Amino acid sequence: RGKYTGVGPEPSMYALNYSGGDKSGQLRMTFDGGAVTQVSMIPRKLPNPHVIPVSQEQLEGVLDPMSAAFLHARSDNPNGDPKVCDQTIPVFDGEQRFNLILTPKRTVRVQKDASTGYSGFAAVCRVKFIPISGYRPDNPGIKLMQETNEIEVWLVSLRGTDHYVP
């Protein structure tokens, strides 16, 4: 939940329920004025001394994962505007605080394969994952994400709006 302002998305609540395999749980985050004010996680995780702690200051001006993925890129140009890739997205997912730094890579034409498919241009952005807190520095998955230059996202214009979506 939240609202969209002239500046961008302003989340007020984020909820995630998950189950699969032998794991299930719930995550709830509330926001006020662009800052995370409360996090509730079930099952509750025990503090880990090897995890870089998240400070209150790092929870200001952040987006939840859904707002970050779908509501941040905007342009009046619907033709794969590479400018939508020129941004840093601050994200908090309930545990980790990280930035996603998008930079322009190229523009491509996408041809639809089915009658309901998208046809038009896409802005292809390089994505750099920058962990800030809430993670273990020795985590191989975090190290891989941080070191790779192979992550990219294709953003396409959402017809009738100035939004670009993955």
N, C-alpha and C. Protein backbone atom coordinates (compact mmCIF):
# COMPACT_ATOMS: atom_id res chain seq x y z
N ARG A 1 0.84 -1.18 0.00
CA ARG A 1 0.00 0.00 0.00
C ARG A 1 0.88 1.24 0.00
N GLY A 2 0.33 2.29 -0.51
CA GLY A 2 1.04 3.55 -0.53
C GLY A 2 0.40 4.48 -1.53
N LYS A 3 1.13 5.48 -1.92
CA LYS A 3 0.62 6.41 -2.92
C LYS A 3 1.75 6.80 -3.84
N TYR A 4 1.34 7.36 -4.97
CA TYR A 4 2.32 7.81 -5.94
C TYR A 4 2.25 9.33 -5.99
N THR A 5 3.37 9.99 -5.75
CA THR A 5 3.41 11.44 -5.76
C THR A 5 4.20 11.90 -6.98
N GLY A 6 4.29 13.20 -7.17
CA GLY A 6 5.07 13.74 -8.27
C GLY A 6 6.54 13.38 -8.17
N VAL A 7 7.01 13.08 -6.97
CA VAL A 7 8.40 12.71 -6.75
C VAL A 7 8.63 11.22 -7.02
N GLY A 8 7.60 10.41 -6.81
CA GLY A 8 7.73 8.98 -7.01
C GLY A 8 6.89 8.21 -6.01
N PRO A 9 7.14 6.91 -5.86
CA PRO A 9 6.35 6.08 -4.96
C PRO A 9 6.63 6.43 -3.50
N GLU A 10 5.57 6.36 -2.70
CA GLU A 10 5.70 6.58 -1.26
C GLU A 10 4.95 5.44 -0.57
N PRO A 11 5.66 4.34 -0.28
CA PRO A 11 4.99 3.19 0.35
C PRO A 11 4.53 3.52 1.77
N SER A 12 3.43 2.87 2.17
CA SER A 12 2.97 2.99 3.55
C SER A 12 2.98 1.64 4.25
N MET A 13 2.80 0.55 3.46
CA MET A 13 2.82 -0.78 4.05
C MET A 13 3.23 -1.80 2.98
N TYR A 14 4.03 -2.77 3.39
CA TYR A 14 4.46 -3.85 2.50
C TYR A 14 4.22 -5.15 3.25
N ALA A 15 3.56 -6.10 2.59
CA ALA A 15 3.29 -7.40 3.20
C ALA A 15 3.68 -8.50 2.23
N LEU A 16 4.30 -9.53 2.77
CA LEU A 16 4.72 -10.68 1.97
C LEU A 16 4.45 -11.94 2.78
N ASN A 17 3.68 -12.84 2.19
CA ASN A 17 3.47 -14.17 2.75
C ASN A 17 4.13 -15.16 1.81
N TYR A 18 4.88 -16.10 2.33
CA TYR A 18 5.56 -17.05 1.47
C TYR A 18 5.48 -18.45 2.06
N SER A 19 5.48 -19.44 1.16
CA SER A 19 5.56 -20.84 1.57
C SER A 19 6.08 -21.64 0.39
N GLY A 20 6.91 -22.59 0.69
CA GLY A 20 7.48 -23.44 -0.34
C GLY A 20 8.47 -24.38 0.29
N GLY A 21 8.42 -25.63 -0.15
CA GLY A 21 9.31 -26.61 0.45
C GLY A 21 9.00 -26.74 1.93
N ASP A 22 10.01 -26.58 2.74
CA ASP A 22 9.80 -26.67 4.18
C ASP A 22 9.81 -25.31 4.86
N LYS A 23 9.68 -24.22 4.09
CA LYS A 23 9.74 -22.88 4.66
C LYS A 23 8.45 -22.12 4.40
N SER A 24 8.04 -21.36 5.38
CA SER A 24 6.91 -20.45 5.22
C SER A 24 7.08 -19.32 6.22
N GLY A 25 6.43 -18.22 5.94
CA GLY A 25 6.53 -17.09 6.85
C GLY A 25 5.80 -15.88 6.36
N GLN A 26 5.93 -14.81 7.13
CA GLN A 26 5.29 -13.54 6.83
C GLN A 26 6.25 -12.40 7.13
N LEU A 27 6.17 -11.38 6.31
CA LEU A 27 6.93 -10.16 6.53
C LEU A 27 5.97 -8.99 6.40
N ARG A 28 6.00 -8.07 7.35
CA ARG A 28 5.20 -6.85 7.30
C ARG A 28 6.12 -5.68 7.61
N MET A 29 6.05 -4.65 6.76
CA MET A 29 6.81 -3.41 7.01
C MET A 29 5.84 -2.25 6.88
N THR A 30 5.99 -1.28 7.78
CA THR A 30 5.22 -0.05 7.66
C THR A 30 6.20 1.10 7.44
N PHE A 31 5.72 2.10 6.72
CA PHE A 31 6.51 3.27 6.35
C PHE A 31 5.76 4.53 6.77
N ASP A 32 6.52 5.57 7.05
CA ASP A 32 5.94 6.88 7.29
C ASP A 32 6.93 7.92 6.81
N GLY A 33 6.49 8.79 5.93
CA GLY A 33 7.37 9.84 5.43
C GLY A 33 8.60 9.33 4.72
N GLY A 34 8.48 8.19 4.04
CA GLY A 34 9.61 7.65 3.29
C GLY A 34 10.60 6.86 4.13
N ALA A 35 10.24 6.57 5.38
CA ALA A 35 11.14 5.79 6.25
C ALA A 35 10.41 4.57 6.80
N VAL A 36 11.15 3.49 6.97
CA VAL A 36 10.60 2.28 7.59
C VAL A 36 10.42 2.58 9.08
N THR A 37 9.19 2.33 9.57
CA THR A 37 8.91 2.59 10.98
C THR A 37 8.75 1.31 11.79
N GLN A 38 8.39 0.20 11.11
CA GLN A 38 8.21 -1.05 11.84
C GLN A 38 8.42 -2.23 10.89
N VAL A 39 9.07 -3.27 11.42
CA VAL A 39 9.25 -4.51 10.67
C VAL A 39 8.82 -5.66 11.56
N SER A 40 7.97 -6.52 11.01
CA SER A 40 7.51 -7.71 11.73
C SER A 40 7.76 -8.91 10.85
N MET A 41 8.45 -9.91 11.40
CA MET A 41 8.80 -11.10 10.63
C MET A 41 8.44 -12.35 11.42
N ILE A 42 7.73 -13.27 10.75
CA ILE A 42 7.37 -14.55 11.35
C ILE A 42 7.82 -15.63 10.39
N PRO A 43 8.64 -16.61 10.77
CA PRO A 43 9.21 -16.73 12.11
C PRO A 43 10.26 -15.65 12.36
N ARG A 44 10.38 -15.31 13.60
CA ARG A 44 11.35 -14.29 14.01
C ARG A 44 12.76 -14.88 13.94
N LYS A 45 13.67 -14.11 13.38
CA LYS A 45 15.06 -14.58 13.27
C LYS A 45 15.87 -14.09 14.47
N LEU A 46 16.75 -14.96 14.92
CA LEU A 46 17.63 -14.57 16.02
C LEU A 46 18.73 -13.66 15.49
N PRO A 47 19.16 -12.69 16.29
CA PRO A 47 20.26 -11.82 15.85
C PRO A 47 21.51 -12.63 15.55
N ASN A 48 22.21 -12.24 14.51
CA ASN A 48 23.44 -12.91 14.10
C ASN A 48 24.58 -11.91 14.24
N PRO A 49 25.58 -12.20 15.07
CA PRO A 49 26.67 -11.25 15.28
C PRO A 49 27.54 -11.03 14.03
N HIS A 50 27.41 -11.89 13.03
CA HIS A 50 28.21 -11.76 11.80
C HIS A 50 27.54 -10.88 10.75
N VAL A 51 26.28 -10.50 11.00
CA VAL A 51 25.53 -9.67 10.06
C VAL A 51 25.78 -8.19 10.36
N ILE A 52 26.06 -7.42 9.31
CA ILE A 52 26.24 -5.98 9.47
C ILE A 52 24.89 -5.39 9.87
N PRO A 53 24.79 -4.74 11.04
CA PRO A 53 23.49 -4.24 11.50
C PRO A 53 22.96 -3.10 10.63
N VAL A 54 21.62 -3.06 10.54
CA VAL A 54 20.93 -1.99 9.81
C VAL A 54 20.66 -0.86 10.80
N SER A 55 21.10 0.35 10.45
CA SER A 55 20.86 1.50 11.33
C SER A 55 19.55 2.18 10.96
N GLN A 56 18.99 2.93 11.88
CA GLN A 56 17.75 3.66 11.63
C GLN A 56 17.92 4.65 10.47
N GLU A 57 19.07 5.28 10.38
CA GLU A 57 19.32 6.24 9.30
C GLU A 57 19.26 5.56 7.93
N GLN A 58 19.67 4.29 7.86
CA GLN A 58 19.66 3.56 6.59
C GLN A 58 18.25 3.18 6.15
N LEU A 59 17.27 3.34 7.03
CA LEU A 59 15.89 3.02 6.71
C LEU A 59 15.09 4.24 6.28
N GLU A 60 15.76 5.36 6.10
CA GLU A 60 15.09 6.58 5.63
C GLU A 60 15.26 6.71 4.13
N GLY A 61 14.19 7.10 3.45
CA GLY A 61 14.25 7.30 2.01
C GLY A 61 14.43 6.03 1.22
N VAL A 62 13.87 4.92 1.71
CA VAL A 62 13.99 3.64 1.02
C VAL A 62 12.65 3.20 0.46
N LEU A 63 12.72 2.25 -0.45
CA LEU A 63 11.52 1.65 -1.03
C LEU A 63 11.46 0.18 -0.67
N ASP A 64 10.26 -0.36 -0.63
CA ASP A 64 10.09 -1.80 -0.50
C ASP A 64 10.40 -2.43 -1.86
N PRO A 65 10.62 -3.75 -1.92
CA PRO A 65 11.01 -4.38 -3.19
C PRO A 65 10.00 -4.19 -4.33
N MET A 66 8.72 -4.22 -4.06
CA MET A 66 7.72 -4.07 -5.13
C MET A 66 7.70 -2.65 -5.68
N SER A 67 7.72 -1.66 -4.80
CA SER A 67 7.76 -0.27 -5.27
C SER A 67 9.02 -0.01 -6.07
N ALA A 68 10.13 -0.56 -5.61
CA ALA A 68 11.41 -0.37 -6.30
C ALA A 68 11.37 -0.99 -7.70
N ALA A 69 10.74 -2.15 -7.81
CA ALA A 69 10.74 -2.86 -9.09
C ALA A 69 9.76 -2.26 -10.10
N PHE A 70 8.63 -1.77 -9.64
CA PHE A 70 7.57 -1.42 -10.58
C PHE A 70 7.17 0.05 -10.64
N LEU A 71 7.60 0.87 -9.73
CA LEU A 71 7.06 2.23 -9.69
C LEU A 71 8.10 3.33 -9.74
N HIS A 72 9.31 3.02 -10.10
CA HIS A 72 10.36 4.03 -9.97
C HIS A 72 10.80 4.66 -11.28
N ALA A 73 10.80 3.91 -12.38
CA ALA A 73 11.33 4.40 -13.64
C ALA A 73 10.25 5.15 -14.42
N ARG A 74 10.56 6.41 -14.80
CA ARG A 74 9.59 7.23 -15.52
C ARG A 74 10.27 8.03 -16.63
N SER A 75 9.52 8.20 -17.74
CA SER A 75 9.97 9.05 -18.83
C SER A 75 8.78 9.36 -19.73
N ASP A 76 8.76 10.56 -20.29
CA ASP A 76 7.72 10.92 -21.26
C ASP A 76 7.97 10.28 -22.62
N ASN A 77 9.18 9.74 -22.83
CA ASN A 77 9.55 9.12 -24.10
C ASN A 77 9.26 7.62 -24.01
N PRO A 78 8.26 7.11 -24.77
CA PRO A 78 7.91 5.69 -24.69
C PRO A 78 8.78 4.77 -25.52
N ASN A 79 9.82 5.29 -26.15
CA ASN A 79 10.62 4.51 -27.10
C ASN A 79 11.93 3.99 -26.52
N GLY A 80 11.87 3.35 -25.36
CA GLY A 80 13.07 2.77 -24.77
C GLY A 80 14.06 3.81 -24.32
N ASP A 81 13.58 4.86 -23.65
CA ASP A 81 14.43 5.97 -23.21
C ASP A 81 15.51 5.49 -22.25
N PRO A 82 16.79 5.56 -22.65
CA PRO A 82 17.87 5.09 -21.76
C PRO A 82 17.99 5.92 -20.48
N LYS A 83 17.40 7.12 -20.44
CA LYS A 83 17.47 7.95 -19.24
C LYS A 83 16.80 7.28 -18.04
N VAL A 84 15.86 6.35 -18.28
CA VAL A 84 15.21 5.67 -17.15
C VAL A 84 16.20 4.78 -16.40
N CYS A 85 17.32 4.51 -17.04
CA CYS A 85 18.36 3.67 -16.43
C CYS A 85 19.34 4.48 -15.58
N ASP A 86 19.22 5.76 -15.58
CA ASP A 86 20.20 6.61 -14.88
C ASP A 86 19.67 6.95 -13.49
N GLN A 87 19.76 5.96 -12.56
CA GLN A 87 19.21 6.18 -11.23
C GLN A 87 19.77 5.17 -10.22
N THR A 88 19.68 5.55 -8.97
CA THR A 88 20.02 4.66 -7.86
C THR A 88 18.74 4.43 -7.07
N ILE A 89 18.42 3.17 -6.84
CA ILE A 89 17.19 2.82 -6.13
C ILE A 89 17.56 2.26 -4.75
N PRO A 90 17.19 2.97 -3.68
CA PRO A 90 17.45 2.49 -2.33
C PRO A 90 16.36 1.51 -1.88
N VAL A 91 16.74 0.30 -1.48
CA VAL A 91 15.77 -0.74 -1.18
C VAL A 91 16.03 -1.32 0.21
N PHE A 92 14.93 -1.62 0.92
CA PHE A 92 15.01 -2.41 2.15
C PHE A 92 13.99 -3.52 2.00
N ASP A 93 14.43 -4.78 2.13
CA ASP A 93 13.55 -5.92 1.92
C ASP A 93 13.07 -6.57 3.21
N GLY A 94 13.24 -5.89 4.32
CA GLY A 94 12.85 -6.44 5.61
C GLY A 94 14.03 -6.95 6.41
N GLU A 95 15.11 -7.29 5.72
CA GLU A 95 16.34 -7.75 6.36
C GLU A 95 17.55 -6.98 5.86
N GLN A 96 17.65 -6.83 4.56
CA GLN A 96 18.84 -6.21 3.97
C GLN A 96 18.53 -4.83 3.41
N ARG A 97 19.47 -3.94 3.60
CA ARG A 97 19.42 -2.61 2.99
C ARG A 97 20.46 -2.60 1.88
N PHE A 98 20.04 -2.28 0.65
CA PHE A 98 20.96 -2.27 -0.48
C PHE A 98 20.52 -1.22 -1.48
N ASN A 99 21.44 -0.84 -2.34
CA ASN A 99 21.14 0.05 -3.46
C ASN A 99 21.24 -0.75 -4.74
N LEU A 100 20.37 -0.41 -5.68
CA LEU A 100 20.47 -0.92 -7.04
C LEU A 100 20.82 0.28 -7.91
N ILE A 101 22.01 0.24 -8.48
CA ILE A 101 22.46 1.35 -9.32
C ILE A 101 22.25 0.94 -10.77
N LEU A 102 21.34 1.67 -11.44
CA LEU A 102 21.04 1.39 -12.83
C LEU A 102 21.79 2.37 -13.71
N THR A 103 22.38 1.86 -14.78
CA THR A 103 23.05 2.69 -15.78
C THR A 103 22.62 2.21 -17.16
N PRO A 104 22.52 3.14 -18.13
CA PRO A 104 22.10 2.76 -19.47
C PRO A 104 23.08 1.79 -20.12
N LYS A 105 22.55 0.79 -20.80
CA LYS A 105 23.37 -0.18 -21.51
C LYS A 105 23.07 -0.12 -23.01
N ARG A 106 21.80 -0.20 -23.38
CA ARG A 106 21.41 -0.11 -24.78
C ARG A 106 19.88 0.00 -24.86
N THR A 107 19.40 0.25 -26.08
CA THR A 107 17.97 0.22 -26.37
C THR A 107 17.76 -0.87 -27.41
N VAL A 108 16.71 -1.69 -27.20
CA VAL A 108 16.42 -2.78 -28.14
C VAL A 108 14.96 -2.74 -28.55
N ARG A 109 14.72 -3.24 -29.74
CA ARG A 109 13.34 -3.37 -30.21
C ARG A 109 12.86 -4.77 -29.83
N VAL A 110 11.68 -4.84 -29.21
CA VAL A 110 11.09 -6.10 -28.79
C VAL A 110 9.91 -6.38 -29.73
N GLN A 111 9.91 -7.54 -30.33
CA GLN A 111 8.81 -7.95 -31.22
C GLN A 111 7.94 -8.96 -30.49
N LYS A 112 6.65 -8.76 -30.54
CA LYS A 112 5.76 -9.70 -29.86
C LYS A 112 5.72 -11.03 -30.60
N ASP A 113 5.61 -12.11 -29.81
CA ASP A 113 5.53 -13.45 -30.37
C ASP A 113 4.09 -13.94 -30.40
N ALA A 114 3.23 -13.31 -29.63
CA ALA A 114 1.82 -13.71 -29.56
C ALA A 114 0.96 -12.46 -29.67
N SER A 115 -0.31 -12.65 -29.90
CA SER A 115 -1.21 -11.51 -30.06
C SER A 115 -1.31 -10.66 -28.79
N THR A 116 -0.99 -11.22 -27.65
CA THR A 116 -1.06 -10.47 -26.41
C THR A 116 0.31 -9.98 -25.93
N GLY A 117 1.36 -10.23 -26.70
CA GLY A 117 2.71 -9.86 -26.30
C GLY A 117 3.01 -8.39 -26.51
N TYR A 118 4.09 -7.93 -25.91
CA TYR A 118 4.54 -6.54 -26.04
C TYR A 118 5.35 -6.38 -27.32
N SER A 119 5.13 -5.28 -27.98
CA SER A 119 5.93 -4.93 -29.14
C SER A 119 6.30 -3.47 -29.01
N GLY A 120 7.56 -3.16 -29.08
CA GLY A 120 8.03 -1.79 -28.93
C GLY A 120 9.49 -1.80 -28.52
N PHE A 121 9.90 -0.71 -27.89
CA PHE A 121 11.29 -0.58 -27.48
C PHE A 121 11.46 -0.83 -25.98
N ALA A 122 12.64 -1.32 -25.63
CA ALA A 122 13.00 -1.53 -24.23
C ALA A 122 14.32 -0.83 -23.96
N ALA A 123 14.38 -0.20 -22.80
CA ALA A 123 15.65 0.35 -22.31
C ALA A 123 16.31 -0.76 -21.50
N VAL A 124 17.52 -1.13 -21.88
CA VAL A 124 18.24 -2.18 -21.16
C VAL A 124 19.23 -1.48 -20.22
N CYS A 125 19.09 -1.79 -18.94
CA CYS A 125 19.91 -1.15 -17.91
C CYS A 125 20.85 -2.17 -17.29
N ARG A 126 22.09 -1.76 -17.06
CA ARG A 126 23.00 -2.55 -16.24
C ARG A 126 22.61 -2.28 -14.78
N VAL A 127 22.59 -3.32 -13.97
CA VAL A 127 22.22 -3.18 -12.56
C VAL A 127 23.40 -3.58 -11.71
N LYS A 128 23.81 -2.69 -10.85
CA LYS A 128 24.90 -2.97 -9.89
C LYS A 128 24.27 -3.08 -8.51
N PHE A 129 24.51 -4.19 -7.85
CA PHE A 129 23.99 -4.46 -6.51
C PHE A 129 25.02 -3.99 -5.49
N ILE A 130 24.64 -3.06 -4.63
CA ILE A 130 25.53 -2.54 -3.60
C ILE A 130 24.94 -2.84 -2.22
N PRO A 131 25.44 -3.86 -1.53
CA PRO A 131 24.93 -4.16 -0.20
C PRO A 131 25.37 -3.09 0.79
N ILE A 132 24.49 -2.74 1.69
CA ILE A 132 24.81 -1.71 2.69
C ILE A 132 24.80 -2.30 4.10
N SER A 133 23.74 -3.02 4.44
CA SER A 133 23.66 -3.61 5.78
C SER A 133 22.63 -4.73 5.78
N GLY A 134 22.61 -5.48 6.91
CA GLY A 134 21.68 -6.59 7.03
C GLY A 134 22.15 -7.87 6.35
N TYR A 135 23.42 -7.97 6.07
CA TYR A 135 23.97 -9.13 5.37
C TYR A 135 25.29 -9.54 6.00
N ARG A 136 25.68 -10.79 5.72
CA ARG A 136 26.99 -11.28 6.15
C ARG A 136 28.00 -10.99 5.05
N PRO A 137 29.09 -10.29 5.36
CA PRO A 137 30.10 -9.98 4.34
C PRO A 137 30.73 -11.21 3.69
N ASP A 138 30.72 -12.34 4.39
CA ASP A 138 31.33 -13.55 3.83
C ASP A 138 30.33 -14.41 3.06
N ASN A 139 29.11 -13.94 2.86
CA ASN A 139 28.08 -14.68 2.14
C ASN A 139 28.46 -14.75 0.65
N PRO A 140 28.66 -15.96 0.09
CA PRO A 140 29.09 -16.07 -1.30
C PRO A 140 28.07 -15.51 -2.30
N GLY A 141 26.79 -15.62 -1.99
CA GLY A 141 25.76 -15.08 -2.87
C GLY A 141 25.82 -13.56 -2.94
N ILE A 142 26.05 -12.92 -1.80
CA ILE A 142 26.17 -11.46 -1.75
C ILE A 142 27.43 -11.04 -2.51
N LYS A 143 28.53 -11.75 -2.28
CA LYS A 143 29.78 -11.43 -2.99
C LYS A 143 29.60 -11.53 -4.50
N LEU A 144 28.93 -12.58 -4.95
CA LEU A 144 28.71 -12.76 -6.39
C LEU A 144 27.86 -11.61 -6.95
N MET A 145 26.77 -11.29 -6.27
CA MET A 145 25.89 -10.20 -6.73
C MET A 145 26.65 -8.88 -6.77
N GLN A 146 27.48 -8.64 -5.77
CA GLN A 146 28.22 -7.39 -5.66
C GLN A 146 29.30 -7.27 -6.73
N GLU A 147 29.92 -8.37 -7.09
CA GLU A 147 31.06 -8.33 -8.01
C GLU A 147 30.70 -8.44 -9.49
N THR A 148 29.52 -8.96 -9.79
CA THR A 148 29.18 -9.20 -11.19
C THR A 148 28.76 -7.91 -11.91
N ASN A 149 29.05 -7.88 -13.20
CA ASN A 149 28.57 -6.83 -14.08
C ASN A 149 27.58 -7.39 -15.09
N GLU A 150 27.05 -8.57 -14.81
CA GLU A 150 26.19 -9.28 -15.76
C GLU A 150 24.70 -9.11 -15.47
N ILE A 151 24.34 -8.39 -14.41
CA ILE A 151 22.92 -8.20 -14.10
C ILE A 151 22.38 -7.07 -14.97
N GLU A 152 21.23 -7.34 -15.60
CA GLU A 152 20.58 -6.28 -16.36
C GLU A 152 19.07 -6.42 -16.21
N VAL A 153 18.38 -5.31 -16.46
CA VAL A 153 16.92 -5.30 -16.45
C VAL A 153 16.46 -4.61 -17.73
N TRP A 154 15.42 -5.14 -18.34
CA TRP A 154 14.83 -4.54 -19.52
C TRP A 154 13.58 -3.81 -19.06
N LEU A 155 13.49 -2.52 -19.31
CA LEU A 155 12.34 -1.71 -18.92
C LEU A 155 11.58 -1.29 -20.16
N VAL A 156 10.26 -1.50 -20.13
CA VAL A 156 9.41 -1.11 -21.25
C VAL A 156 8.38 -0.11 -20.78
N SER A 157 7.97 0.75 -21.70
CA SER A 157 7.00 1.79 -21.40
C SER A 157 5.63 1.16 -21.19
N LEU A 158 4.95 1.59 -20.14
CA LEU A 158 3.59 1.14 -19.86
C LEU A 158 2.64 2.07 -20.61
N ARG A 159 2.02 1.54 -21.64
CA ARG A 159 1.19 2.34 -22.56
C ARG A 159 0.23 3.26 -21.82
N GLY A 160 0.17 4.52 -22.23
CA GLY A 160 -0.76 5.48 -21.66
C GLY A 160 -0.27 6.15 -20.39
N THR A 161 0.97 5.84 -19.97
CA THR A 161 1.54 6.44 -18.75
C THR A 161 2.96 6.88 -19.06
N ASP A 162 3.61 7.48 -18.06
CA ASP A 162 5.03 7.80 -18.19
C ASP A 162 5.89 6.80 -17.42
N HIS A 163 5.30 5.66 -17.05
CA HIS A 163 6.00 4.63 -16.29
C HIS A 163 6.69 3.62 -17.19
N TYR A 164 7.82 3.14 -16.71
CA TYR A 164 8.52 2.01 -17.32
C TYR A 164 8.49 0.87 -16.31
N VAL A 165 8.26 -0.33 -16.79
CA VAL A 165 8.19 -1.50 -15.90
C VAL A 165 9.10 -2.60 -16.46
N PRO A 166 9.57 -3.50 -15.58
CA PRO A 166 10.42 -4.61 -16.05
C PRO A 166 9.65 -5.56 -16.96
